[in-house]
N, C-alpha and C. Protein backbone atom coordinates (compact mmCIF):
# COMPACT_ATOMS: atom_id res chain seq x y z
N MET A 1 -1.31 -2.05 -21.35
CA MET A 1 -1.88 -2.35 -20.04
C MET A 1 -0.91 -2.03 -18.92
N SER A 2 0.30 -1.65 -19.26
CA SER A 2 1.27 -1.36 -18.20
C SER A 2 0.93 -0.04 -17.53
N SER A 3 1.16 0.01 -16.24
CA SER A 3 0.90 1.20 -15.45
C SER A 3 2.17 1.61 -14.71
N SER A 4 2.23 2.88 -14.37
CA SER A 4 3.37 3.33 -13.57
C SER A 4 3.15 2.92 -12.12
N ILE A 5 4.21 2.94 -11.35
CA ILE A 5 4.08 2.60 -9.93
C ILE A 5 3.13 3.57 -9.25
N ALA A 6 3.21 4.85 -9.59
CA ALA A 6 2.31 5.85 -8.99
C ALA A 6 0.85 5.50 -9.28
N GLU A 7 0.56 5.05 -10.51
CA GLU A 7 -0.81 4.68 -10.85
C GLU A 7 -1.26 3.45 -10.06
N LYS A 8 -0.36 2.50 -9.89
CA LYS A 8 -0.69 1.31 -9.12
C LYS A 8 -0.89 1.64 -7.64
N LEU A 9 -0.06 2.51 -7.10
CA LEU A 9 -0.22 2.90 -5.70
C LEU A 9 -1.51 3.67 -5.47
N PHE A 10 -2.05 4.29 -6.52
CA PHE A 10 -3.31 5.02 -6.40
C PHE A 10 -4.48 4.07 -6.14
N THR A 11 -4.30 2.78 -6.43
CA THR A 11 -5.38 1.82 -6.25
C THR A 11 -5.49 1.31 -4.81
N ILE A 12 -4.67 1.82 -3.93
CA ILE A 12 -4.75 1.41 -2.53
C ILE A 12 -5.20 2.57 -1.66
N ARG A 13 -5.83 2.26 -0.58
CA ARG A 13 -6.25 3.25 0.41
C ARG A 13 -5.70 2.82 1.75
N TYR A 14 -5.37 3.79 2.56
CA TYR A 14 -4.77 3.50 3.85
C TYR A 14 -5.47 4.31 4.93
N LYS A 15 -6.00 3.63 5.92
CA LYS A 15 -6.58 4.30 7.08
C LYS A 15 -5.50 4.35 8.14
N VAL A 16 -5.02 5.55 8.42
CA VAL A 16 -3.87 5.75 9.29
C VAL A 16 -4.26 5.67 10.76
N ASP A 17 -3.53 4.86 11.48
CA ASP A 17 -3.67 4.78 12.94
C ASP A 17 -2.78 5.88 13.54
N ASP A 18 -2.96 6.17 14.81
CA ASP A 18 -2.09 7.16 15.45
C ASP A 18 -0.81 6.53 16.00
N GLN A 19 -0.72 5.19 15.94
CA GLN A 19 0.49 4.50 16.37
C GLN A 19 1.04 3.68 15.21
N SER A 20 2.36 3.72 15.08
CA SER A 20 3.03 2.98 14.02
C SER A 20 3.01 1.48 14.28
N HIS A 21 2.82 0.72 13.22
CA HIS A 21 2.94 -0.74 13.31
C HIS A 21 4.35 -1.18 12.89
N LEU A 22 5.21 -0.21 12.59
CA LEU A 22 6.60 -0.45 12.21
C LEU A 22 7.50 0.23 13.23
N ILE A 23 8.40 -0.52 13.83
CA ILE A 23 9.22 0.04 14.90
C ILE A 23 10.69 -0.31 14.65
N ILE A 24 11.53 0.70 14.69
CA ILE A 24 12.97 0.46 14.68
C ILE A 24 13.33 0.06 16.11
N LYS A 25 13.82 -1.14 16.30
CA LYS A 25 14.09 -1.65 17.64
C LYS A 25 15.21 -0.89 18.34
N ASP A 26 16.28 -0.55 17.60
CA ASP A 26 17.44 0.09 18.20
C ASP A 26 18.11 0.99 17.18
N GLN A 27 17.99 2.30 17.37
CA GLN A 27 18.59 3.26 16.43
C GLN A 27 20.12 3.14 16.40
N GLN A 28 20.73 2.63 17.46
CA GLN A 28 22.18 2.44 17.46
C GLN A 28 22.61 1.42 16.40
N VAL A 29 21.77 0.43 16.17
CA VAL A 29 22.05 -0.54 15.12
C VAL A 29 22.05 0.16 13.76
N CYS A 30 21.13 1.07 13.56
CA CYS A 30 21.06 1.82 12.30
C CYS A 30 22.32 2.67 12.11
N LEU A 31 22.83 3.22 13.19
CA LEU A 31 24.05 4.04 13.10
C LEU A 31 25.23 3.22 12.60
N THR A 32 25.30 1.96 13.00
CA THR A 32 26.45 1.14 12.60
C THR A 32 26.21 0.39 11.29
N CYS A 33 25.00 0.40 10.79
CA CYS A 33 24.69 -0.26 9.53
C CYS A 33 25.30 0.54 8.38
N GLU A 34 26.15 -0.09 7.61
CA GLU A 34 26.84 0.61 6.52
C GLU A 34 25.98 0.73 5.26
N THR A 35 25.09 -0.21 5.02
CA THR A 35 24.37 -0.25 3.75
C THR A 35 23.00 0.45 3.78
N LYS A 36 22.42 0.62 4.95
CA LYS A 36 21.10 1.24 5.09
C LYS A 36 20.10 0.62 4.11
N GLU A 37 20.08 -0.71 4.09
CA GLU A 37 19.27 -1.43 3.12
C GLU A 37 17.79 -1.11 3.20
N CYS A 38 17.30 -0.76 4.37
CA CYS A 38 15.87 -0.45 4.50
C CYS A 38 15.46 0.74 3.64
N THR A 39 16.42 1.62 3.35
CA THR A 39 16.09 2.78 2.51
C THR A 39 16.06 2.42 1.03
N HIS A 40 16.39 1.17 0.70
CA HIS A 40 16.39 0.73 -0.69
C HIS A 40 15.36 -0.34 -1.00
N PHE A 41 15.10 -1.27 -0.07
CA PHE A 41 14.23 -2.40 -0.41
C PHE A 41 12.74 -2.11 -0.29
N CYS A 42 12.35 -1.08 0.43
CA CYS A 42 10.93 -0.81 0.64
C CYS A 42 10.31 -0.18 -0.61
N PRO A 43 9.31 -0.83 -1.21
CA PRO A 43 8.71 -0.28 -2.43
C PRO A 43 7.90 1.00 -2.18
N ALA A 44 7.57 1.28 -0.94
CA ALA A 44 6.78 2.47 -0.63
C ALA A 44 7.60 3.58 0.01
N ASP A 45 8.92 3.42 0.03
CA ASP A 45 9.82 4.44 0.60
C ASP A 45 9.45 4.84 2.02
N VAL A 46 9.15 3.84 2.83
CA VAL A 46 8.77 4.09 4.23
C VAL A 46 9.97 4.55 5.06
N TYR A 47 11.15 4.02 4.77
CA TYR A 47 12.33 4.27 5.60
C TYR A 47 13.24 5.31 4.95
N ASP A 48 13.75 6.22 5.78
CA ASP A 48 14.66 7.25 5.29
C ASP A 48 15.76 7.44 6.33
N TRP A 49 16.97 7.57 5.86
CA TRP A 49 18.11 7.82 6.73
C TRP A 49 18.37 9.32 6.74
N THR A 50 18.35 9.93 7.92
CA THR A 50 18.53 11.38 8.05
C THR A 50 19.99 11.78 8.24
N GLY A 51 20.85 10.80 8.41
CA GLY A 51 22.24 11.05 8.74
C GLY A 51 22.52 10.78 10.21
N GLU A 52 21.45 10.72 11.00
CA GLU A 52 21.56 10.43 12.42
C GLU A 52 20.66 9.29 12.87
N MET A 53 19.56 9.11 12.15
CA MET A 53 18.59 8.09 12.54
C MET A 53 17.76 7.68 11.34
N THR A 54 17.10 6.53 11.48
CA THR A 54 16.17 6.06 10.45
C THR A 54 14.78 6.53 10.83
N THR A 55 14.13 7.25 9.93
CA THR A 55 12.76 7.67 10.17
C THR A 55 11.82 6.67 9.49
N VAL A 56 10.62 6.57 10.02
CA VAL A 56 9.63 5.61 9.52
C VAL A 56 8.35 6.35 9.18
N ALA A 57 8.00 6.37 7.90
CA ALA A 57 6.74 6.97 7.45
C ALA A 57 5.71 5.84 7.31
N PHE A 58 5.26 5.30 8.45
CA PHE A 58 4.41 4.12 8.46
C PHE A 58 3.12 4.32 7.69
N GLU A 59 2.69 5.55 7.55
CA GLU A 59 1.45 5.82 6.82
C GLU A 59 1.59 5.54 5.32
N ASN A 60 2.79 5.31 4.84
CA ASN A 60 3.01 4.95 3.43
C ASN A 60 3.09 3.44 3.22
N CYS A 61 3.11 2.66 4.29
CA CYS A 61 3.35 1.22 4.22
C CYS A 61 2.24 0.52 3.43
N ILE A 62 2.65 -0.37 2.53
CA ILE A 62 1.69 -1.17 1.76
C ILE A 62 1.60 -2.60 2.30
N GLU A 63 2.16 -2.83 3.47
CA GLU A 63 2.06 -4.09 4.20
C GLU A 63 2.56 -5.29 3.41
N CYS A 64 3.63 -5.10 2.66
CA CYS A 64 4.20 -6.21 1.88
C CYS A 64 5.05 -7.13 2.75
N GLY A 65 5.55 -6.62 3.88
CA GLY A 65 6.33 -7.44 4.80
C GLY A 65 7.81 -7.55 4.46
N THR A 66 8.26 -6.86 3.43
CA THR A 66 9.66 -6.94 3.02
C THR A 66 10.60 -6.57 4.16
N CYS A 67 10.25 -5.60 4.95
CA CYS A 67 11.15 -5.15 6.01
C CYS A 67 11.33 -6.20 7.10
N ARG A 68 10.41 -7.14 7.21
CA ARG A 68 10.57 -8.22 8.21
C ARG A 68 11.79 -9.07 7.92
N ILE A 69 12.11 -9.22 6.64
CA ILE A 69 13.25 -10.06 6.28
C ILE A 69 14.38 -9.29 5.61
N GLY A 70 14.13 -8.06 5.21
CA GLY A 70 15.12 -7.30 4.46
C GLY A 70 16.24 -6.69 5.28
N CYS A 71 15.96 -6.35 6.52
CA CYS A 71 16.99 -5.76 7.38
C CYS A 71 17.96 -6.87 7.79
N PRO A 72 19.24 -6.72 7.46
CA PRO A 72 20.19 -7.78 7.79
C PRO A 72 20.38 -7.97 9.29
N TYR A 73 19.95 -6.99 10.09
CA TYR A 73 20.09 -7.07 11.55
C TYR A 73 18.76 -7.38 12.24
N TYR A 74 17.70 -7.57 11.45
CA TYR A 74 16.36 -7.82 11.99
C TYR A 74 16.00 -6.76 13.03
N ASN A 75 16.27 -5.52 12.66
CA ASN A 75 16.09 -4.40 13.57
C ASN A 75 14.75 -3.69 13.37
N ILE A 76 13.89 -4.22 12.52
CA ILE A 76 12.58 -3.62 12.27
C ILE A 76 11.52 -4.58 12.79
N GLU A 77 10.70 -4.09 13.69
CA GLU A 77 9.57 -4.88 14.18
C GLU A 77 8.36 -4.52 13.32
N TRP A 78 7.79 -5.51 12.67
CA TRP A 78 6.65 -5.33 11.78
C TRP A 78 5.49 -6.16 12.29
N VAL A 79 4.36 -5.51 12.53
CA VAL A 79 3.14 -6.22 12.90
C VAL A 79 2.02 -5.66 12.04
N TYR A 80 0.96 -6.42 11.89
CA TYR A 80 -0.19 -5.89 11.16
C TYR A 80 -0.78 -4.72 11.93
N PRO A 81 -1.29 -3.71 11.23
CA PRO A 81 -2.00 -2.64 11.94
C PRO A 81 -3.20 -3.21 12.68
N LYS A 82 -3.59 -2.55 13.75
CA LYS A 82 -4.74 -3.06 14.51
C LYS A 82 -6.00 -2.98 13.66
N GLY A 83 -6.99 -3.76 14.04
CA GLY A 83 -8.22 -3.89 13.28
C GLY A 83 -8.84 -2.58 12.84
N GLY A 84 -9.23 -2.52 11.58
CA GLY A 84 -9.86 -1.33 11.03
C GLY A 84 -8.88 -0.33 10.44
N TYR A 85 -7.58 -0.54 10.67
CA TYR A 85 -6.56 0.36 10.15
C TYR A 85 -5.69 -0.38 9.14
N GLY A 86 -4.97 0.38 8.39
CA GLY A 86 -4.05 -0.22 7.43
C GLY A 86 -4.53 -0.06 6.02
N ILE A 87 -4.09 -0.98 5.19
CA ILE A 87 -4.29 -0.86 3.75
C ILE A 87 -5.55 -1.56 3.27
N THR A 88 -6.16 -0.98 2.26
CA THR A 88 -7.28 -1.57 1.56
C THR A 88 -6.98 -1.46 0.07
N TYR A 89 -7.09 -2.55 -0.63
CA TYR A 89 -6.83 -2.57 -2.07
C TYR A 89 -8.13 -2.43 -2.83
N LYS A 90 -8.09 -1.60 -3.89
CA LYS A 90 -9.25 -1.46 -4.79
C LYS A 90 -8.97 -2.30 -6.03
N TYR A 91 -9.94 -3.01 -6.46
CA TYR A 91 -9.82 -3.79 -7.70
C TYR A 91 -10.90 -3.33 -8.66
N GLY A 92 -10.57 -3.41 -9.91
CA GLY A 92 -11.60 -3.14 -10.90
C GLY A 92 -11.42 -1.89 -11.54
């Protein structure tokens, strides 16, 4: 009954908004962050460090909320997507 992460992620659907619900508050904080923890704790690989800035692939977000508490500097603003957008889980 075990499934791969890719198979489990296939059970979700995401209606993408044109505006991100995930915001890096200050890229300068990311520059001084030594661990870049956001690139490790997100199960959907939303955050990526380019060497100069943190990019946000909000369209991959599974709305778990980990980034609200995972960034040691609280530099990520996370809000629910506006009505009608975001994630939908399929069951069955």
